[in-house]
Amino acid sequence: MNIYVGNLGYEQTEDELKVAFEAFGEVESARIITDRDTGRSKGFGFVEMLDNDQAVAAIDGLNGTDFGGRTITVNESRPRPPRGDHRGGGGGGRRGGGGRNRY
């Protein structure tokens, strides 16, 4: 089961996250999502546990608890919504200079 962990402190490490979940069973992977440009944590991550019963126990045991000085949110991860085929968007309307009105 893939588990979402939110409200992580920016200084938390993937190893600390893994250790916290290993108290409930075998952890396949633990990763903290980082900003592509800065490499800084975005404050959330994901833990993968193969055994669903252990994963549910981890969710129940860790949701709402203090982790590194912050109250974390732990729940089953939802699938990412599909992205559309278009990139960017918007626009339209007039394009042009910002000259003064001549009325």
N, C-alpha and C. Protein backbone atom coordinates (compact mmCIF):
# COMPACT_ATOMS: atom_id res chain seq x y z
N MET A 1 0.86 -1.18 0.00
CA MET A 1 0.00 0.00 0.00
C MET A 1 0.90 1.24 0.00
N ASN A 2 0.50 2.23 -0.76
CA ASN A 2 1.22 3.49 -0.81
C ASN A 2 0.57 4.44 0.19
N ILE A 3 1.37 5.03 1.07
CA ILE A 3 0.88 5.87 2.16
C ILE A 3 1.39 7.29 1.99
N TYR A 4 0.49 8.25 2.11
CA TYR A 4 0.84 9.67 2.05
C TYR A 4 1.16 10.14 3.47
N VAL A 5 2.23 10.92 3.60
CA VAL A 5 2.61 11.50 4.89
C VAL A 5 2.77 13.00 4.68
N GLY A 6 1.92 13.78 5.33
CA GLY A 6 1.94 15.23 5.14
C GLY A 6 2.35 15.98 6.40
N ASN A 7 2.69 17.24 6.22
CA ASN A 7 3.11 18.16 7.27
C ASN A 7 4.45 17.75 7.90
N LEU A 8 5.33 17.23 7.06
CA LEU A 8 6.67 16.88 7.53
C LEU A 8 7.50 18.14 7.71
N GLY A 9 8.38 18.11 8.69
CA GLY A 9 9.33 19.20 8.85
C GLY A 9 10.31 19.19 7.69
N TYR A 10 10.79 20.35 7.29
CA TYR A 10 11.68 20.45 6.14
C TYR A 10 13.02 19.78 6.38
N GLU A 11 13.36 19.55 7.65
CA GLU A 11 14.65 18.93 7.96
C GLU A 11 14.55 17.41 8.11
N GLN A 12 13.35 16.85 8.04
CA GLN A 12 13.18 15.39 8.17
C GLN A 12 13.85 14.67 7.01
N THR A 13 14.37 13.47 7.29
CA THR A 13 15.03 12.68 6.26
C THR A 13 14.21 11.45 5.90
N GLU A 14 14.52 10.88 4.77
CA GLU A 14 13.84 9.66 4.35
C GLU A 14 14.14 8.52 5.31
N ASP A 15 15.35 8.46 5.85
CA ASP A 15 15.70 7.42 6.82
C ASP A 15 14.86 7.53 8.08
N GLU A 16 14.64 8.76 8.57
CA GLU A 16 13.81 8.95 9.77
C GLU A 16 12.37 8.51 9.49
N LEU A 17 11.89 8.82 8.32
CA LEU A 17 10.54 8.43 7.93
C LEU A 17 10.42 6.91 7.88
N LYS A 18 11.41 6.27 7.29
CA LYS A 18 11.41 4.81 7.19
C LYS A 18 11.43 4.15 8.57
N VAL A 19 12.27 4.65 9.46
CA VAL A 19 12.37 4.08 10.81
C VAL A 19 11.03 4.19 11.54
N ALA A 20 10.34 5.33 11.41
CA ALA A 20 9.06 5.51 12.08
C ALA A 20 8.04 4.47 11.62
N PHE A 21 8.04 4.17 10.33
CA PHE A 21 7.06 3.22 9.79
C PHE A 21 7.47 1.77 10.03
N GLU A 22 8.76 1.51 10.16
CA GLU A 22 9.23 0.14 10.41
C GLU A 22 8.76 -0.38 11.76
N ALA A 23 8.35 0.49 12.65
CA ALA A 23 7.79 0.06 13.92
C ALA A 23 6.49 -0.73 13.71
N PHE A 24 5.89 -0.58 12.52
CA PHE A 24 4.61 -1.24 12.22
C PHE A 24 4.76 -2.39 11.21
N GLY A 25 5.93 -2.54 10.62
CA GLY A 25 6.13 -3.62 9.65
C GLY A 25 7.20 -3.27 8.64
N GLU A 26 7.28 -4.12 7.61
CA GLU A 26 8.31 -3.96 6.59
C GLU A 26 8.00 -2.80 5.65
N VAL A 27 8.99 -1.95 5.46
CA VAL A 27 8.85 -0.79 4.58
C VAL A 27 9.59 -1.07 3.28
N GLU A 28 8.88 -1.01 2.19
CA GLU A 28 9.47 -1.21 0.86
C GLU A 28 10.29 0.01 0.46
N SER A 29 9.72 1.22 0.65
CA SER A 29 10.44 2.45 0.32
C SER A 29 9.84 3.61 1.11
N ALA A 30 10.66 4.64 1.29
CA ALA A 30 10.21 5.88 1.93
C ALA A 30 10.87 7.01 1.17
N ARG A 31 10.08 7.96 0.71
CA ARG A 31 10.67 9.08 -0.02
C ARG A 31 9.98 10.38 0.35
N ILE A 32 10.78 11.41 0.45
CA ILE A 32 10.27 12.75 0.71
C ILE A 32 10.36 13.53 -0.60
N ILE A 33 9.30 14.19 -0.95
CA ILE A 33 9.23 14.92 -2.22
C ILE A 33 9.97 16.25 -2.05
N THR A 34 10.83 16.54 -3.03
CA THR A 34 11.63 17.76 -2.97
C THR A 34 11.35 18.65 -4.18
N ASP A 35 11.61 19.92 -3.99
CA ASP A 35 11.48 20.89 -5.07
C ASP A 35 12.54 20.63 -6.12
N ARG A 36 12.15 20.61 -7.36
CA ARG A 36 13.07 20.31 -8.46
C ARG A 36 14.21 21.32 -8.56
N ASP A 37 13.92 22.58 -8.32
CA ASP A 37 14.93 23.62 -8.48
C ASP A 37 15.85 23.77 -7.28
N THR A 38 15.27 23.73 -6.08
CA THR A 38 16.07 24.00 -4.88
C THR A 38 16.53 22.75 -4.16
N GLY A 39 15.85 21.62 -4.39
CA GLY A 39 16.18 20.40 -3.68
C GLY A 39 15.63 20.37 -2.26
N ARG A 40 14.92 21.41 -1.86
CA ARG A 40 14.35 21.49 -0.52
C ARG A 40 13.07 20.67 -0.43
N SER A 41 12.84 20.07 0.73
CA SER A 41 11.64 19.28 0.97
C SER A 41 10.39 20.13 0.74
N LYS A 42 9.37 19.50 0.18
CA LYS A 42 8.08 20.17 0.02
C LYS A 42 7.17 19.92 1.22
N GLY A 43 7.66 19.15 2.21
CA GLY A 43 6.89 18.95 3.43
C GLY A 43 5.95 17.75 3.39
N PHE A 44 6.10 16.89 2.38
CA PHE A 44 5.30 15.67 2.34
C PHE A 44 6.08 14.57 1.67
N GLY A 45 5.61 13.35 1.86
CA GLY A 45 6.30 12.21 1.27
C GLY A 45 5.38 11.01 1.17
N PHE A 46 5.98 9.88 0.76
CA PHE A 46 5.24 8.65 0.57
C PHE A 46 6.03 7.48 1.13
N VAL A 47 5.31 6.55 1.73
CA VAL A 47 5.91 5.32 2.25
C VAL A 47 5.17 4.16 1.60
N GLU A 48 5.91 3.20 1.10
CA GLU A 48 5.32 2.01 0.48
C GLU A 48 5.52 0.82 1.41
N MET A 49 4.41 0.18 1.78
CA MET A 49 4.45 -1.03 2.60
C MET A 49 3.72 -2.13 1.84
N LEU A 50 4.32 -3.31 1.77
CA LEU A 50 3.74 -4.40 0.99
C LEU A 50 2.56 -5.05 1.69
N ASP A 51 2.60 -5.16 2.99
CA ASP A 51 1.52 -5.81 3.75
C ASP A 51 0.46 -4.77 4.12
N ASN A 52 -0.76 -4.97 3.60
CA ASN A 52 -1.83 -3.99 3.83
C ASN A 52 -2.21 -3.87 5.30
N ASP A 53 -2.20 -4.98 6.04
CA ASP A 53 -2.54 -4.92 7.46
C ASP A 53 -1.52 -4.09 8.23
N GLN A 54 -0.25 -4.25 7.89
CA GLN A 54 0.79 -3.45 8.54
C GLN A 54 0.65 -1.98 8.14
N ALA A 55 0.31 -1.74 6.90
CA ALA A 55 0.13 -0.36 6.42
C ALA A 55 -1.03 0.32 7.15
N VAL A 56 -2.13 -0.38 7.31
CA VAL A 56 -3.29 0.18 8.02
C VAL A 56 -2.92 0.45 9.49
N ALA A 57 -2.16 -0.46 10.09
CA ALA A 57 -1.71 -0.25 11.46
C ALA A 57 -0.82 0.98 11.57
N ALA A 58 0.05 1.18 10.57
CA ALA A 58 0.93 2.36 10.56
C ALA A 58 0.11 3.64 10.42
N ILE A 59 -0.88 3.63 9.54
CA ILE A 59 -1.74 4.80 9.35
C ILE A 59 -2.45 5.13 10.66
N ASP A 60 -3.06 4.11 11.27
CA ASP A 60 -3.79 4.32 12.52
C ASP A 60 -2.86 4.76 13.65
N GLY A 61 -1.65 4.21 13.66
CA GLY A 61 -0.73 4.50 14.75
C GLY A 61 0.01 5.83 14.62
N LEU A 62 0.17 6.33 13.39
CA LEU A 62 0.98 7.54 13.20
C LEU A 62 0.18 8.80 12.84
N ASN A 63 -1.01 8.64 12.30
CA ASN A 63 -1.79 9.81 11.91
C ASN A 63 -2.08 10.69 13.13
N GLY A 64 -1.77 11.96 13.02
CA GLY A 64 -2.05 12.90 14.10
C GLY A 64 -1.01 12.91 15.21
N THR A 65 0.11 12.21 15.02
CA THR A 65 1.15 12.16 16.05
C THR A 65 2.23 13.19 15.77
N ASP A 66 3.05 13.44 16.78
CA ASP A 66 4.17 14.35 16.66
C ASP A 66 5.34 13.64 15.99
N PHE A 67 5.87 14.23 14.95
CA PHE A 67 7.03 13.68 14.25
C PHE A 67 7.98 14.83 13.97
N GLY A 68 9.04 14.90 14.71
CA GLY A 68 10.00 15.99 14.54
C GLY A 68 9.43 17.35 14.89
N GLY A 69 8.53 17.38 15.86
CA GLY A 69 7.97 18.66 16.29
C GLY A 69 6.76 19.13 15.52
N ARG A 70 6.26 18.31 14.61
CA ARG A 70 5.06 18.67 13.84
C ARG A 70 4.05 17.54 13.89
N THR A 71 2.78 17.89 13.84
CA THR A 71 1.71 16.88 13.82
C THR A 71 1.52 16.44 12.38
N ILE A 72 1.82 15.17 12.10
CA ILE A 72 1.75 14.69 10.72
C ILE A 72 0.38 14.14 10.37
N THR A 73 0.09 14.18 9.09
CA THR A 73 -1.11 13.59 8.52
C THR A 73 -0.68 12.35 7.77
N VAL A 74 -1.31 11.22 8.08
CA VAL A 74 -0.94 9.95 7.44
C VAL A 74 -2.22 9.29 6.96
N ASN A 75 -2.28 8.98 5.66
CA ASN A 75 -3.43 8.26 5.12
C ASN A 75 -3.04 7.53 3.84
N GLU A 76 -3.95 6.70 3.38
CA GLU A 76 -3.68 5.97 2.14
C GLU A 76 -3.59 6.97 1.00
N SER A 77 -2.56 6.81 0.19
CA SER A 77 -2.34 7.71 -0.93
C SER A 77 -3.43 7.51 -1.97
N ARG A 78 -3.89 8.62 -2.53
CA ARG A 78 -4.87 8.56 -3.62
C ARG A 78 -4.12 8.64 -4.94
N PRO A 79 -4.62 8.00 -5.98
CA PRO A 79 -3.95 8.09 -7.27
C PRO A 79 -3.92 9.53 -7.77
N ARG A 80 -2.86 9.86 -8.45
CA ARG A 80 -2.70 11.19 -9.02
C ARG A 80 -3.71 11.37 -10.15
N PRO A 81 -4.42 12.50 -10.20
CA PRO A 81 -5.37 12.69 -11.30
C PRO A 81 -4.62 12.79 -12.63
N PRO A 82 -5.21 12.27 -13.69
CA PRO A 82 -4.54 12.33 -14.99
C PRO A 82 -4.38 13.76 -15.46
N ARG A 83 -3.27 14.00 -16.13
CA ARG A 83 -3.05 15.33 -16.70
C ARG A 83 -3.64 15.37 -18.09
N GLY A 84 -4.09 16.55 -18.50
CA GLY A 84 -4.62 16.71 -19.84
C GLY A 84 -3.49 16.73 -20.87
N ASP A 85 -3.87 16.69 -22.13
CA ASP A 85 -2.88 16.70 -23.20
C ASP A 85 -2.28 18.08 -23.43
N HIS A 86 -2.97 19.12 -23.00
CA HIS A 86 -2.47 20.47 -23.25
C HIS A 86 -1.43 20.85 -22.20
N ARG A 87 -0.56 21.68 -22.59
CA ARG A 87 0.46 22.20 -21.67
C ARG A 87 0.24 23.70 -21.53
N GLY A 88 0.28 24.14 -20.30
CA GLY A 88 0.04 25.56 -20.09
C GLY A 88 -1.39 25.88 -20.42
N GLY A 89 -1.66 27.06 -20.70
CA GLY A 89 -3.02 27.33 -21.08
C GLY A 89 -3.30 28.81 -21.02
N GLY A 90 -4.55 29.04 -21.04
CA GLY A 90 -4.99 30.39 -20.88
C GLY A 90 -4.57 31.28 -22.03
N GLY A 91 -4.55 32.49 -21.72
CA GLY A 91 -4.20 33.43 -22.76
C GLY A 91 -5.47 33.94 -23.40
N GLY A 92 -5.34 34.28 -24.61
CA GLY A 92 -6.50 34.80 -25.30
C GLY A 92 -6.62 36.29 -25.04
N GLY A 93 -7.63 36.85 -25.58
CA GLY A 93 -7.82 38.27 -25.39
C GLY A 93 -6.83 39.06 -26.24
N ARG A 94 -6.82 40.33 -26.05
CA ARG A 94 -5.93 41.19 -26.83
C ARG A 94 -4.51 41.06 -26.36
N ARG A 95 -3.65 41.18 -27.26
CA ARG A 95 -2.24 41.26 -26.92
C ARG A 95 -1.75 42.59 -27.47
N GLY A 96 -0.96 43.22 -26.75
CA GLY A 96 -0.48 44.47 -27.30
C GLY A 96 0.07 45.38 -26.24
N GLY A 97 0.53 46.47 -26.70
CA GLY A 97 1.22 47.42 -25.86
C GLY A 97 0.32 48.06 -24.83
N GLY A 98 0.96 48.70 -23.94
CA GLY A 98 0.23 49.37 -22.87
C GLY A 98 0.25 50.87 -23.06
N GLY A 99 0.23 51.29 -24.31
CA GLY A 99 0.26 52.73 -24.60
C GLY A 99 -0.95 53.42 -24.03
N ARG A 100 -0.89 54.72 -24.06
CA ARG A 100 -2.02 55.46 -23.47
C ARG A 100 -3.20 55.49 -24.43
N ASN A 101 -4.37 55.62 -23.85
CA ASN A 101 -5.58 55.72 -24.67
C ASN A 101 -5.61 57.06 -25.35
N ARG A 102 -6.04 57.09 -26.57
CA ARG A 102 -6.09 58.33 -27.33
C ARG A 102 -7.53 58.64 -27.70
N TYR A 103 -8.25 59.12 -26.77
CA TYR A 103 -9.65 59.46 -27.02
C TYR A 103 -9.85 60.92 -26.88
